[in-house]
Amino acid sequence: MSYLSREALLKARPRMEDVEIPGLGKVRVRGLTAAERGYIESLVVDFDPETQQVRYNAHKAAEMNVLLAAYGLLNEDGSQMFDPSRTEDLAALKQVDGQVIGLIADAVRRLSGMDVVGEKKESG
């Protein structure tokens, strides 16, 4: 197998897939870009400058599924369904059934190479 060139690597775009939402239908989602993933991951940790430790913040993590859905949900034509920078869009997503948002967020996590809640990590 040959090595990727700089140009080939920079053409890599997030993968997309359709996700079935039981009883509702299907939605199209995509993985995150490196910038989006870094931003979302940075929101769920706190840094303590005195101890130089990074701690997971469960309160902030509660917002993570909504952000993952906002970034990852696409219209059928591949355009962004929600704007993660719009307070109104985030507020609307917060009113959606938590299980539905969870299914969408898990798909976005998986497509982005992030840990999915409840999945076992393979050792080896």
PDB file of N, CA and C in Angstrom:
ATOM      1  N   MET A   1       0.854  -1.178   0.000  1.00  0.00           N
ATOM      2  CA  MET A   1       0.000   0.000   0.000  1.00  0.00           C
ATOM      3  C   MET A   1       0.900   1.241   0.000  1.00  0.00           C
ATOM      4  N   SER A   2       0.571   2.195  -0.836  1.00  0.00           N
ATOM      5  CA  SER A   2       1.389   3.401  -0.947  1.00  0.00           C
ATOM      6  C   SER A   2       0.980   4.438   0.094  1.00  0.00           C
ATOM      7  N   TYR A   3       1.876   5.372   0.324  1.00  0.00           N
ATOM      8  CA  TYR A   3       1.617   6.456   1.270  1.00  0.00           C
ATOM      9  C   TYR A   3       0.785   7.551   0.612  1.00  0.00           C
ATOM     10  N   LEU A   4      -0.043   8.192   1.426  1.00  0.00           N
ATOM     11  CA  LEU A   4      -0.838   9.310   0.930  1.00  0.00           C
ATOM     12  C   LEU A   4       0.040  10.525   0.700  1.00  0.00           C
ATOM     13  N   SER A   5      -0.274  11.260  -0.311  1.00  0.00           N
ATOM     14  CA  SER A   5       0.391  12.545  -0.529  1.00  0.00           C
ATOM     15  C   SER A   5      -0.312  13.601   0.312  1.00  0.00           C
ATOM     16  N   ARG A   6       0.303  14.727   0.468  1.00  0.00           N
ATOM     17  CA  ARG A   6      -0.301  15.859   1.189  1.00  0.00           C
ATOM     18  C   ARG A   6      -1.640  16.213   0.555  1.00  0.00           C
ATOM     19  N   GLU A   7      -1.655  16.301  -0.770  1.00  0.00           N
ATOM     20  CA  GLU A   7      -2.855  16.687  -1.493  1.00  0.00           C
ATOM     21  C   GLU A   7      -3.983  15.676  -1.288  1.00  0.00           C
ATOM     22  N   ALA A   8      -3.644  14.397  -1.320  1.00  0.00           N
ATOM     23  CA  ALA A   8      -4.662  13.360  -1.128  1.00  0.00           C
ATOM     24  C   ALA A   8      -5.223  13.408   0.289  1.00  0.00           C
ATOM     25  N   LEU A   9      -4.358  13.610   1.269  1.00  0.00           N
ATOM     26  CA  LEU A   9      -4.808  13.682   2.660  1.00  0.00           C
ATOM     27  C   LEU A   9      -5.750  14.856   2.877  1.00  0.00           C
ATOM     28  N   LEU A  10      -5.419  15.998   2.289  1.00  0.00           N
ATOM     29  CA  LEU A  10      -6.239  17.199   2.474  1.00  0.00           C
ATOM     30  C   LEU A  10      -7.597  17.098   1.774  1.00  0.00           C
ATOM     31  N   LYS A  11      -7.767  16.117   0.913  1.00  0.00           N
ATOM     32  CA  LYS A  11      -9.059  15.905   0.260  1.00  0.00           C
ATOM     33  C   LYS A  11      -9.990  15.032   1.092  1.00  0.00           C
ATOM     34  N   ALA A  12      -9.474  14.442   2.171  1.00  0.00           N
ATOM     35  CA  ALA A  12     -10.294  13.559   3.007  1.00  0.00           C
ATOM     36  C   ALA A  12     -11.406  14.366   3.670  1.00  0.00           C
ATOM     37  N   ARG A  13     -12.625  13.945   3.472  1.00  0.00           N
ATOM     38  CA  ARG A  13     -13.796  14.621   4.035  1.00  0.00           C
ATOM     39  C   ARG A  13     -14.529  13.651   4.950  1.00  0.00           C
ATOM     40  N   PRO A  14     -15.278  14.178   5.901  1.00  0.00           N
ATOM     41  CA  PRO A  14     -16.029  13.295   6.807  1.00  0.00           C
ATOM     42  C   PRO A  14     -16.969  12.369   6.040  1.00  0.00           C
ATOM     43  N   ARG A  15     -17.058  11.141   6.539  1.00  0.00           N
ATOM     44  CA  ARG A  15     -17.965  10.163   5.933  1.00  0.00           C
ATOM     45  C   ARG A  15     -19.409  10.502   6.297  1.00  0.00           C
ATOM     46  N   MET A  16     -20.329  10.035   5.456  1.00  0.00           N
ATOM     47  CA  MET A  16     -21.759  10.230   5.703  1.00  0.00           C
ATOM     48  C   MET A  16     -22.442   8.866   5.714  1.00  0.00           C
ATOM     49  N   GLU A  17     -23.566   8.794   6.428  1.00  0.00           N
ATOM     50  CA  GLU A  17     -24.397   7.594   6.372  1.00  0.00           C
ATOM     51  C   GLU A  17     -25.803   7.938   6.814  1.00  0.00           C
ATOM     52  N   ASP A  18     -26.722   7.076   6.441  1.00  0.00           N
ATOM     53  CA  ASP A  18     -28.111   7.217   6.870  1.00  0.00           C
ATOM     54  C   ASP A  18     -28.305   6.385   8.128  1.00  0.00           C
ATOM     55  N   VAL A  19     -29.045   6.946   9.089  1.00  0.00           N
ATOM     56  CA  VAL A  19     -29.307   6.285  10.368  1.00  0.00           C
ATOM     57  C   VAL A  19     -30.812   6.134  10.518  1.00  0.00           C
ATOM     58  N   GLU A  20     -31.238   4.929  10.811  1.00  0.00           N
ATOM     59  CA  GLU A  20     -32.655   4.644  11.020  1.00  0.00           C
ATOM     60  C   GLU A  20     -33.037   5.017  12.448  1.00  0.00           C
ATOM     61  N   ILE A  21     -34.063   5.847  12.586  1.00  0.00           N
ATOM     62  CA  ILE A  21     -34.604   6.221  13.889  1.00  0.00           C
ATOM     63  C   ILE A  21     -35.915   5.448  14.035  1.00  0.00           C
ATOM     64  N   PRO A  22     -35.931   4.432  14.921  1.00  0.00           N
ATOM     65  CA  PRO A  22     -37.104   3.569  15.046  1.00  0.00           C
ATOM     66  C   PRO A  22     -38.408   4.357  15.251  1.00  0.00           C
ATOM     67  N   GLY A  23     -39.380   4.035  14.435  1.00  0.00           N
ATOM     68  CA  GLY A  23     -40.690   4.659  14.537  1.00  0.00           C
ATOM     69  C   GLY A  23     -40.802   6.021  13.872  1.00  0.00           C
ATOM     70  N   LEU A  24     -39.685   6.577  13.403  1.00  0.00           N
ATOM     71  CA  LEU A  24     -39.719   7.906  12.796  1.00  0.00           C
ATOM     72  C   LEU A  24     -39.279   7.919  11.339  1.00  0.00           C
ATOM     73  N   GLY A  25     -38.224   7.215  11.029  1.00  0.00           N
ATOM     74  CA  GLY A  25     -37.663   7.246   9.678  1.00  0.00           C
ATOM     75  C   GLY A  25     -36.162   7.315   9.745  1.00  0.00           C
ATOM     76  N   LYS A  26     -35.558   7.800   8.672  1.00  0.00           N
ATOM     77  CA  LYS A  26     -34.104   7.868   8.676  1.00  0.00           C
ATOM     78  C   LYS A  26     -33.622   9.302   8.532  1.00  0.00           C
ATOM     79  N   VAL A  27     -32.405   9.512   9.013  1.00  0.00           N
ATOM     80  CA  VAL A  27     -31.735  10.813   8.892  1.00  0.00           C
ATOM     81  C   VAL A  27     -30.351  10.572   8.317  1.00  0.00           C
ATOM     82  N   ARG A  28     -29.819  11.567   7.671  1.00  0.00           N
ATOM     83  CA  ARG A  28     -28.453  11.508   7.155  1.00  0.00           C
ATOM     84  C   ARG A  28     -27.549  12.255   8.121  1.00  0.00           C
ATOM     85  N   VAL A  29     -26.424  11.629   8.458  1.00  0.00           N
ATOM     86  CA  VAL A  29     -25.459  12.254   9.351  1.00  0.00           C
ATOM     87  C   VAL A  29     -24.065  12.161   8.743  1.00  0.00           C
ATOM     88  N   ARG A  30     -23.188  12.984   9.255  1.00  0.00           N
ATOM     89  CA  ARG A  30     -21.789  12.958   8.821  1.00  0.00           C
ATOM     90  C   ARG A  30     -20.894  12.997  10.055  1.00  0.00           C
ATOM     91  N   GLY A  31     -19.667  12.575   9.847  1.00  0.00           N
ATOM     92  CA  GLY A  31     -18.666  12.711  10.891  1.00  0.00           C
ATOM     93  C   GLY A  31     -18.209  14.156  10.986  1.00  0.00           C
ATOM     94  N   LEU A  32     -17.420  14.437  11.993  1.00  0.00           N
ATOM     95  CA  LEU A  32     -16.915  15.791  12.233  1.00  0.00           C
ATOM     96  C   LEU A  32     -15.582  16.021  11.540  1.00  0.00           C
ATOM     97  N   THR A  33     -15.311  17.272  11.217  1.00  0.00           N
ATOM     98  CA  THR A  33     -13.973  17.633  10.771  1.00  0.00           C
ATOM     99  C   THR A  33     -13.067  17.645  12.002  1.00  0.00           C
ATOM    100  N   ALA A  34     -11.781  17.692  11.793  1.00  0.00           N
ATOM    101  CA  ALA A  34     -10.843  17.740  12.916  1.00  0.00           C
ATOM    102  C   ALA A  34     -11.090  18.972  13.784  1.00  0.00           C
ATOM    103  N   ALA A  35     -11.389  20.098  13.163  1.00  0.00           N
ATOM    104  CA  ALA A  35     -11.644  21.332  13.924  1.00  0.00           C
ATOM    105  C   ALA A  35     -12.905  21.211  14.771  1.00  0.00           C
ATOM    106  N   GLU A  36     -13.967  20.657  14.197  1.00  0.00           N
ATOM    107  CA  GLU A  36     -15.224  20.489  14.937  1.00  0.00           C
ATOM    108  C   GLU A  36     -15.048  19.515  16.099  1.00  0.00           C
ATOM    109  N   ARG A  37     -14.368  18.421  15.831  1.00  0.00           N
ATOM    110  CA  ARG A  37     -14.145  17.426  16.896  1.00  0.00           C
ATOM    111  C   ARG A  37     -13.326  18.030  18.036  1.00  0.00           C
ATOM    112  N   GLY A  38     -12.268  18.737  17.712  1.00  0.00           N
ATOM    113  CA  GLY A  38     -11.449  19.369  18.743  1.00  0.00           C
ATOM    114  C   GLY A  38     -12.236  20.370  19.567  1.00  0.00           C
ATOM    115  N   TYR A  39     -13.068  21.152  18.903  1.00  0.00           N
ATOM    116  CA  TYR A  39     -13.891  22.134  19.603  1.00  0.00           C
ATOM    117  C   TYR A  39     -14.846  21.449  20.580  1.00  0.00           C
ATOM    118  N   ILE A  40     -15.563  20.437  20.108  1.00  0.00           N
ATOM    119  CA  ILE A  40     -16.537  19.754  20.968  1.00  0.00           C
ATOM    120  C   ILE A  40     -15.844  19.063  22.135  1.00  0.00           C
ATOM    121  N   GLU A  41     -14.736  18.387  21.870  1.00  0.00           N
ATOM    122  CA  GLU A  41     -14.026  17.705  22.953  1.00  0.00           C
ATOM    123  C   GLU A  41     -13.504  18.697  23.994  1.00  0.00           C
ATOM    124  N   SER A  42     -13.094  19.872  23.549  1.00  0.00           N
ATOM    125  CA  SER A  42     -12.569  20.870  24.493  1.00  0.00           C
ATOM    126  C   SER A  42     -13.653  21.408  25.418  1.00  0.00           C
ATOM    127  N   LEU A  43     -14.899  21.320  25.005  1.00  0.00           N
ATOM    128  CA  LEU A  43     -15.996  21.839  25.813  1.00  0.00           C
ATOM    129  C   LEU A  43     -16.302  20.990  27.036  1.00  0.00           C
ATOM    130  N   VAL A  44     -15.925  19.727  27.017  1.00  0.00           N
ATOM    131  CA  VAL A  44     -16.321  18.824  28.100  1.00  0.00           C
ATOM    132  C   VAL A  44     -15.210  18.582  29.121  1.00  0.00           C
ATOM    133  N   VAL A  45     -14.149  19.364  29.044  1.00  0.00           N
ATOM    134  CA  VAL A  45     -13.081  19.225  30.032  1.00  0.00           C
ATOM    135  C   VAL A  45     -12.765  20.575  30.656  1.00  0.00           C
ATOM    136  N   ASP A  46     -12.269  20.510  31.882  1.00  0.00           N
ATOM    137  CA  ASP A  46     -11.774  21.691  32.579  1.00  0.00           C
ATOM    138  C   ASP A  46     -10.304  21.463  32.886  1.00  0.00           C
ATOM    139  N   PHE A  47      -9.513  22.509  32.762  1.00  0.00           N
ATOM    140  CA  PHE A  47      -8.092  22.425  33.076  1.00  0.00           C
ATOM    141  C   PHE A  47      -7.830  23.180  34.366  1.00  0.00           C
ATOM    142  N   ASP A  48      -7.194  22.512  35.317  1.00  0.00           N
ATOM    143  CA  ASP A  48      -6.826  23.133  36.590  1.00  0.00           C
ATOM    144  C   ASP A  48      -5.361  23.532  36.502  1.00  0.00           C
ATOM    145  N   PRO A  49      -5.074  24.854  36.381  1.00  0.00           N
ATOM    146  CA  PRO A  49      -3.683  25.290  36.215  1.00  0.00           C
ATOM    147  C   PRO A  49      -2.806  24.994  37.440  1.00  0.00           C
ATOM    148  N   GLU A  50      -3.407  24.914  38.617  1.00  0.00           N
ATOM    149  CA  GLU A  50      -2.615  24.633  39.820  1.00  0.00           C
ATOM    150  C   GLU A  50      -2.101  23.203  39.827  1.00  0.00           C
ATOM    151  N   THR A  51      -2.962  22.262  39.482  1.00  0.00           N
ATOM    152  CA  THR A  51      -2.564  20.852  39.511  1.00  0.00           C
ATOM    153  C   THR A  51      -2.105  20.349  38.144  1.00  0.00           C
ATOM    154  N   GLN A  52      -2.311  21.155  37.101  1.00  0.00           N
ATOM    155  CA  GLN A  52      -1.977  20.785  35.727  1.00  0.00           C
ATOM    156  C   GLN A  52      -2.761  19.547  35.277  1.00  0.00           C
ATOM    157  N   GLN A  53      -3.978  19.383  35.802  1.00  0.00           N
ATOM    158  CA  GLN A  53      -4.797  18.230  35.459  1.00  0.00           C
ATOM    159  C   GLN A  53      -6.000  18.652  34.625  1.00  0.00           C
ATOM    160  N   VAL A  54      -6.367  17.747  33.749  1.00  0.00           N
ATOM    161  CA  VAL A  54      -7.563  17.924  32.937  1.00  0.00           C
ATOM    162  C   VAL A  54      -8.632  17.022  33.537  1.00  0.00           C
ATOM    163  N   ARG A  55      -9.800  17.593  33.784  1.00  0.00           N
ATOM    164  CA  ARG A  55     -10.904  16.826  34.376  1.00  0.00           C
ATOM    165  C   ARG A  55     -12.124  16.882  33.475  1.00  0.00           C
ATOM    166  N   TYR A  56     -12.774  15.753  33.379  1.00  0.00           N
ATOM    167  CA  TYR A  56     -14.023  15.625  32.639  1.00  0.00           C
ATOM    168  C   TYR A  56     -15.123  16.358  33.396  1.00  0.00           C
ATOM    169  N   ASN A  57     -15.912  17.167  32.709  1.00  0.00           N
ATOM    170  CA  ASN A  57     -16.984  17.931  33.330  1.00  0.00           C
ATOM    171  C   ASN A  57     -18.324  17.383  32.841  1.00  0.00           C
ATOM    172  N   ALA A  58     -18.978  16.584  33.693  1.00  0.00           N
ATOM    173  CA  ALA A  58     -20.228  15.919  33.308  1.00  0.00           C
ATOM    174  C   ALA A  58     -21.333  16.916  32.967  1.00  0.00           C
ATOM    175  N   HIS A  59     -21.352  18.069  33.647  1.00  0.00           N
ATOM    176  CA  HIS A  59     -22.374  19.075  33.359  1.00  0.00           C
ATOM    177  C   HIS A  59     -22.235  19.576  31.918  1.00  0.00           C
ATOM    178  N   LYS A  60     -21.007  19.841  31.510  1.00  0.00           N
ATOM    179  CA  LYS A  60     -20.783  20.297  30.141  1.00  0.00           C
ATOM    180  C   LYS A  60     -21.047  19.184  29.132  1.00  0.00           C
ATOM    181  N   ALA A  61     -20.778  17.951  29.532  1.00  0.00           N
ATOM    182  CA  ALA A  61     -20.970  16.818  28.628  1.00  0.00           C
ATOM    183  C   ALA A  61     -22.429  16.628  28.263  1.00  0.00           C
ATOM    184  N   ALA A  62     -23.332  17.087  29.116  1.00  0.00           N
ATOM    185  CA  ALA A  62     -24.757  16.960  28.833  1.00  0.00           C
ATOM    186  C   ALA A  62     -25.127  17.708  27.547  1.00  0.00           C
ATOM    187  N   GLU A  63     -24.394  18.726  27.217  1.00  0.00           N
ATOM    188  CA  GLU A  63     -24.639  19.509  25.998  1.00  0.00           C
ATOM    189  C   GLU A  63     -24.008  18.872  24.762  1.00  0.00           C
ATOM    190  N   MET A  64     -23.117  17.911  24.982  1.00  0.00           N
ATOM    191  CA  MET A  64     -22.343  17.360  23.884  1.00  0.00           C
ATOM    192  C   MET A  64     -23.209  16.662  22.836  1.00  0.00           C
ATOM    193  N   ASN A  65     -24.207  15.868  23.247  1.00  0.00           N
ATOM    194  CA  ASN A  65     -25.044  15.164  22.272  1.00  0.00           C
ATOM    195  C   ASN A  65     -25.791  16.130  21.369  1.00  0.00           C
ATOM    196  N   VAL A  66     -26.264  17.222  21.932  1.00  0.00           N
ATOM    197  CA  VAL A  66     -26.978  18.219  21.130  1.00  0.00           C
ATOM    198  C   VAL A  66     -26.029  18.846  20.105  1.00  0.00           C
ATOM    199  N   LEU A  67     -24.811  19.166  20.530  1.00  0.00           N
ATOM    200  CA  LEU A  67     -23.841  19.736  19.593  1.00  0.00           C
ATOM    201  C   LEU A  67     -23.462  18.737  18.509  1.00  0.00           C
ATOM    202  N   LEU A  68     -23.271  17.480  18.887  1.00  0.00           N
ATOM    203  CA  LEU A  68     -22.952  16.460  17.886  1.00  0.00           C
ATOM    204  C   LEU A  68     -24.065  16.356  16.857  1.00  0.00           C
ATOM    205  N   ALA A  69     -25.303  16.383  17.314  1.00  0.00           N
ATOM    206  CA  ALA A  69     -26.441  16.333  16.394  1.00  0.00           C
ATOM    207  C   ALA A  69     -26.473  17.570  15.504  1.00  0.00           C
ATOM    208  N   ALA A  70     -26.247  18.734  16.083  1.00  0.00           N
ATOM    209  CA  ALA A  70     -26.281  19.977  15.306  1.00  0.00           C
ATOM    210  C   ALA A  70     -25.208  19.987  14.213  1.00  0.00           C
ATOM    211  N   TYR A  71     -24.010  19.530  14.543  1.00  0.00           N
ATOM    212  CA  TYR A  71     -22.939  19.482  13.541  1.00  0.00           C
ATOM    213  C   TYR A  71     -23.157  18.369  12.531  1.00  0.00           C
ATOM    214  N   GLY A  72     -23.686  17.226  12.983  1.00  0.00           N
ATOM    215  CA  GLY A  72     -23.721  16.053  12.134  1.00  0.00           C
ATOM    216  C   GLY A  72     -24.953  15.863  11.278  1.00  0.00           C
ATOM    217  N   LEU A  73     -26.099  16.429  11.654  1.00  0.00           N
ATOM    218  CA  LEU A  73     -27.330  16.204  10.892  1.00  0.00           C
ATOM    219  C   LEU A  73     -27.312  16.937   9.549  1.00  0.00           C
ATOM    220  N   LEU A  74     -27.662  16.209   8.510  1.00  0.00           N
ATOM    221  CA  LEU A  74     -27.670  16.765   7.160  1.00  0.00           C
ATOM    222  C   LEU A  74     -29.059  16.631   6.541  1.00  0.00           C
ATOM    223  N   ASN A  75     -29.361  17.533   5.642  1.00  0.00           N
ATOM    224  CA  ASN A  75     -30.547  17.382   4.806  1.00  0.00           C
ATOM    225  C   ASN A  75     -30.253  16.293   3.787  1.00  0.00           C
ATOM    226  N   GLU A  76     -31.281  15.834   3.107  1.00  0.00           N
ATOM    227  CA  GLU A  76     -31.123  14.761   2.133  1.00  0.00           C
ATOM    228  C   GLU A  76     -30.089  15.100   1.060  1.00  0.00           C
ATOM    229  N   ASP A  77     -29.973  16.390   0.716  1.00  0.00           N
ATOM    230  CA  ASP A  77     -29.022  16.808  -0.321  1.00  0.00           C
ATOM    231  C   ASP A  77     -27.599  16.980   0.207  1.00  0.00           C
ATOM    232  N   GLY A  78     -27.389  16.707   1.504  1.00  0.00           N
ATOM    233  CA  GLY A  78     -26.049  16.807   2.083  1.00  0.00           C
ATOM    234  C   GLY A  78     -25.740  18.143   2.723  1.00  0.00           C
ATOM    235  N   SER A  79     -26.660  19.101   2.634  1.00  0.00           N
ATOM    236  CA  SER A  79     -26.435  20.393   3.277  1.00  0.00           C
ATOM    237  C   SER A  79     -26.713  20.290   4.784  1.00  0.00           C
ATOM    238  N   GLN A  80     -26.138  21.198   5.526  1.00  0.00           N
ATOM    239  CA  GLN A  80     -26.291  21.207   6.980  1.00  0.00           C
ATOM    240  C   GLN A  80     -27.751  21.473   7.360  1.00  0.00           C
ATOM    241  N   MET A  81     -28.332  20.625   8.244  1.00  0.00           N
ATOM    242  CA  MET A  81     -29.716  20.784   8.664  1.00  0.00           C
ATOM    243  C   MET A  81     -29.848  21.863   9.744  1.00  0.00           C
ATOM    244  N   PHE A  82     -28.894  21.906  10.658  1.00  0.00           N
ATOM    245  CA  PHE A  82     -28.912  22.876  11.754  1.00  0.00           C
ATOM    246  C   PHE A  82     -27.611  23.656  11.754  1.00  0.00           C
ATOM    247  N   ASP A  83     -27.653  24.850  12.318  1.00  0.00           N
ATOM    248  CA  ASP A  83     -26.462  25.680  12.456  1.00  0.00           C
ATOM    249  C   ASP A  83     -26.045  25.658  13.925  1.00  0.00           C
ATOM    250  N   PRO A  84     -24.929  24.995  14.253  1.00  0.00           N
ATOM    251  CA  PRO A  84     -24.509  24.873  15.649  1.00  0.00           C
ATOM    252  C   PRO A  84     -24.218  26.213  16.332  1.00  0.00           C
ATOM    253  N   SER A  85     -24.047  27.271  15.546  1.00  0.00           N
ATOM    254  CA  SER A  85     -23.780  28.577  16.147  1.00  0.00           C
ATOM    255  C   SER A  85     -25.069  29.340  16.468  1.00  0.00           C
ATOM    256  N   ARG A  86     -26.210  28.812  16.033  1.00  0.00           N
ATOM    257  CA  ARG A  86     -27.497  29.473  16.290  1.00  0.00           C
ATOM    258  C   ARG A  86     -28.124  28.937  17.572  1.00  0.00           C
ATOM    259  N   THR A  87     -28.316  29.814  18.530  1.00  0.00           N
ATOM    260  CA  THR A  87     -28.928  29.445  19.800  1.00  0.00           C
ATOM    261  C   THR A  87     -30.301  28.808  19.586  1.00  0.00           C
ATOM    262  N   GLU A  88     -31.058  29.320  18.606  1.00  0.00           N
ATOM    263  CA  GLU A  88     -32.392  28.796  18.337  1.00  0.00           C
ATOM    264  C   GLU A  88     -32.346  27.345  17.883  1.00  0.00           C
ATOM    265  N   ASP A  89     -31.366  27.000  17.048  1.00  0.00           N
ATOM    266  CA  ASP A  89     -31.238  25.625  16.579  1.00  0.00           C
ATOM    267  C   ASP A  89     -30.888  24.688  17.729  1.00  0.00           C
ATOM    268  N   LEU A  90     -29.955  25.108  18.587  1.00  0.00           N
ATOM    269  CA  LEU A  90     -29.575  24.273  19.726  1.00  0.00           C
ATOM    270  C   LEU A  90     -30.743  24.117  20.697  1.00  0.00           C
ATOM    271  N   ALA A  91     -31.482  25.199  20.927  1.00  0.00           N
ATOM    272  CA  ALA A  91     -32.640  25.130  21.823  1.00  0.00           C
ATOM    273  C   ALA A  91     -33.697  24.181  21.266  1.00  0.00           C
ATOM    274  N   ALA A  92     -33.906  24.203  19.960  1.00  0.00           N
ATOM    275  CA  ALA A  92     -34.885  23.308  19.346  1.00  0.00           C
ATOM    276  C   ALA A  92     -34.457  21.846  19.496  1.00  0.00           C
ATOM    277  N   LEU A  93     -33.183  21.559  19.277  1.00  0.00           N
ATOM    278  CA  LEU A  93     -32.694  20.191  19.405  1.00  0.00           C
ATOM    279  C   LEU A  93     -32.785  19.679  20.843  1.00  0.00           C
ATOM    280  N   LYS A  94     -32.671  20.579  21.803  1.00  0.00           N
ATOM    281  CA  LYS A  94     -32.766  20.176  23.215  1.00  0.00           C
ATOM    282  C   LYS A  94     -34.169  19.697  23.571  1.00  0.00           C
ATOM    283  N   GLN A  95     -35.155  20.014  22.747  1.00  0.00           N
ATOM    284  CA  GLN A  95     -36.533  19.603  23.013  1.00  0.00           C
ATOM    285  C   GLN A  95     -36.883  18.259  22.361  1.00  0.00           C
ATOM    286  N   VAL A  96     -35.969  17.720  21.557  1.00  0.00           N
ATOM    287  CA  VAL A  96     -36.194  16.448  20.868  1.00  0.00           C
ATOM    288  C   VAL A  96     -35.977  15.297  21.847  1.00  0.00           C
ATOM    289  N   ASP A  97     -36.693  14.201  21.661  1.00  0.00           N
ATOM    290  CA  ASP A  97     -36.551  12.998  22.472  1.00  0.00           C
ATOM    291  C   ASP A  97     -35.068  12.662  22.648  1.00  0.00           C
ATOM    292  N   GLY A  98     -34.657  12.487  23.882  1.00  0.00           N
ATOM    293  CA  GLY A  98     -33.255  12.220  24.193  1.00  0.00           C
ATOM    294  C   GLY A  98     -32.716  10.963  23.546  1.00  0.00           C
ATOM    295  N   GLN A  99     -33.552   9.952  23.389  1.00  0.00           N
ATOM    296  CA  GLN A  99     -33.107   8.723  22.747  1.00  0.00           C
ATOM    297  C   GLN A  99     -32.796   8.972  21.268  1.00  0.00           C
ATOM    298  N   VAL A 100     -33.600   9.784  20.627  1.00  0.00           N
ATOM    299  CA  VAL A 100     -33.375  10.117  19.219  1.00  0.00           C
ATOM    300  C   VAL A 100     -32.059  10.877  19.067  1.00  0.00           C
ATOM    301  N   ILE A 101     -31.859  11.896  19.893  1.00  0.00           N
ATOM    302  CA  ILE A 101     -30.612  12.665  19.834  1.00  0.00           C
ATOM    303  C   ILE A 101     -29.431  11.751  20.156  1.00  0.00           C
ATOM    304  N   GLY A 102     -29.617  10.837  21.105  1.00  0.00           N
ATOM    305  CA  GLY A 102     -28.550   9.900  21.457  1.00  0.00           C
ATOM    306  C   GLY A 102     -28.149   9.001  20.298  1.00  0.00           C
ATOM    307  N   LEU A 103     -29.122   8.491  19.546  1.00  0.00           N
ATOM    308  CA  LEU A 103     -28.820   7.652  18.379  1.00  0.00           C
ATOM    309  C   LEU A 103     -28.046   8.440  17.323  1.00  0.00           C
ATOM    310  N   ILE A 104     -28.462   9.672  17.107  1.00  0.00           N
ATOM    311  CA  ILE A 104     -27.788  10.527  16.124  1.00  0.00           C
ATOM    312  C   ILE A 104     -26.374  10.841  16.597  1.00  0.00           C
ATOM    313  N   ALA A 105     -26.234  11.238  17.864  1.00  0.00           N
ATOM    314  CA  ALA A 105     -24.922  11.580  18.412  1.00  0.00           C
ATOM    315  C   ALA A 105     -23.976  10.386  18.370  1.00  0.00           C
ATOM    316  N   ASP A 106     -24.479   9.193  18.669  1.00  0.00           N
ATOM    317  CA  ASP A 106     -23.634   7.991  18.616  1.00  0.00           C
ATOM    318  C   ASP A 106     -23.116   7.739  17.205  1.00  0.00           C
ATOM    319  N   ALA A 107     -23.968   7.949  16.204  1.00  0.00           N
ATOM    320  CA  ALA A 107     -23.535   7.765  14.811  1.00  0.00           C
ATOM    321  C   ALA A 107     -22.469   8.783  14.440  1.00  0.00           C
ATOM    322  N   VAL A 108     -22.657  10.043  14.848  1.00  0.00           N
ATOM    323  CA  VAL A 108     -21.667  11.081  14.558  1.00  0.00           C
ATOM    324  C   VAL A 108     -20.346  10.744  15.249  1.00  0.00           C
ATOM    325  N   ARG A 109     -20.414  10.302  16.503  1.00  0.00           N
ATOM    326  CA  ARG A 109     -19.198   9.897  17.228  1.00  0.00           C
ATOM    327  C   ARG A 109     -18.461   8.790  16.473  1.00  0.00           C
ATOM    328  N   ARG A 110     -19.203   7.757  16.097  1.00  0.00           N
ATOM    329  CA  ARG A 110     -18.594   6.619  15.413  1.00  0.00           C
ATOM    330  C   ARG A 110     -17.937   7.047  14.103  1.00  0.00           C
ATOM    331  N   LEU A 111     -18.627   7.870  13.321  1.00  0.00           N
ATOM    332  CA  LEU A 111     -18.075   8.347  12.047  1.00  0.00           C
ATOM    333  C   LEU A 111     -16.871   9.259  12.254  1.00  0.00           C
ATOM    334  N   SER A 112     -16.752   9.830  13.451  1.00  0.00           N
ATOM    335  CA  SER A 112     -15.665  10.767  13.760  1.00  0.00           C
ATOM    336  C   SER A 112     -14.513  10.099  14.496  1.00  0.00           C
ATOM    337  N   GLY A 113     -14.641   8.791  14.758  1.00  0.00           N
ATOM    338  CA  GLY A 113     -13.577   8.090  15.472  1.00  0.00           C
ATOM    339  C   GLY A 113     -13.538   8.382  16.955  1.00  0.00           C
ATOM    340  N   MET A 114     -14.663   8.820  17.511  1.00  0.00           N
ATOM    341  CA  MET A 114     -14.757   9.110  18.933  1.00  0.00           C
ATOM    342  C   MET A 114     -15.372   7.901  19.638  1.00  0.00           C
ATOM    343  N   ASP A 115     -15.144   7.801  20.941  1.00  0.00           N
ATOM    344  CA  ASP A 115     -15.756   6.723  21.717  1.00  0.00           C
ATOM    345  C   ASP A 115     -17.264   6.880  21.686  1.00  0.00           C
ATOM    346  N   VAL A 116     -17.956   5.766  21.520  1.00  0.00           N
ATOM    347  CA  VAL A 116     -19.410   5.748  21.559  1.00  0.00           C
ATOM    348  C   VAL A 116     -19.827   5.151  22.880  1.00  0.00           C
ATOM    349  N   VAL A 117     -20.703   5.825  23.603  1.00  0.00           N
ATOM    350  CA  VAL A 117     -21.167   5.381  24.906  1.00  0.00           C
ATOM    351  C   VAL A 117     -21.708   3.962  24.802  1.00  0.00           C
ATOM    352  N   GLY A 118     -21.238   3.082  25.701  1.00  0.00           N
ATOM    353  CA  GLY A 118     -21.739   1.717  25.745  1.00  0.00           C
ATOM    354  C   GLY A 118     -20.988   0.746  24.843  1.00  0.00           C
ATOM    355  N   GLU A 119     -20.106   1.227  23.987  1.00  0.00           N
ATOM    356  CA  GLU A 119     -19.333   0.332  23.123  1.00  0.00           C
ATOM    357  C   GLU A 119     -18.090  -0.128  23.856  1.00  0.00           C
ATOM    358  N   LYS A 120     -17.768  -1.392  23.699  1.00  0.00           N
ATOM    359  CA  LYS A 120     -16.543  -1.924  24.278  1.00  0.00           C
ATOM    360  C   LYS A 120     -15.384  -1.634  23.350  1.00  0.00           C
ATOM    361  N   LYS A 121     -14.269  -1.206  23.940  1.00  0.00           N
ATOM    362  CA  LYS A 121     -13.074  -1.004  23.150  1.00  0.00           C
ATOM    363  C   LYS A 121     -12.396  -2.350  22.916  1.00  0.00           C
ATOM    364  N   GLU A 122     -11.937  -2.560  21.694  1.00  0.00           N
ATOM    365  CA  GLU A 122     -11.245  -3.800  21.399  1.00  0.00           C
ATOM    366  C   GLU A 122      -9.817  -3.672  21.894  1.00  0.00           C
ATOM    367  N   SER A 123      -9.343  -4.704  22.548  1.00  0.00           N
ATOM    368  CA  SER A 123      -7.961  -4.691  23.001  1.00  0.00           C
ATOM    369  C   SER A 123      -7.103  -5.394  21.988  1.00  0.00           C
ATOM    370  N   GLY A 124      -5.856  -5.015  21.953  1.00  0.00           N
ATOM    371  CA  GLY A 124      -4.957  -5.702  21.052  1.00  0.00           C
ATOM    372  C   GLY A 124      -4.307  -4.755  20.207  1.00  0.00           C
TER     373      GLY A 124
END
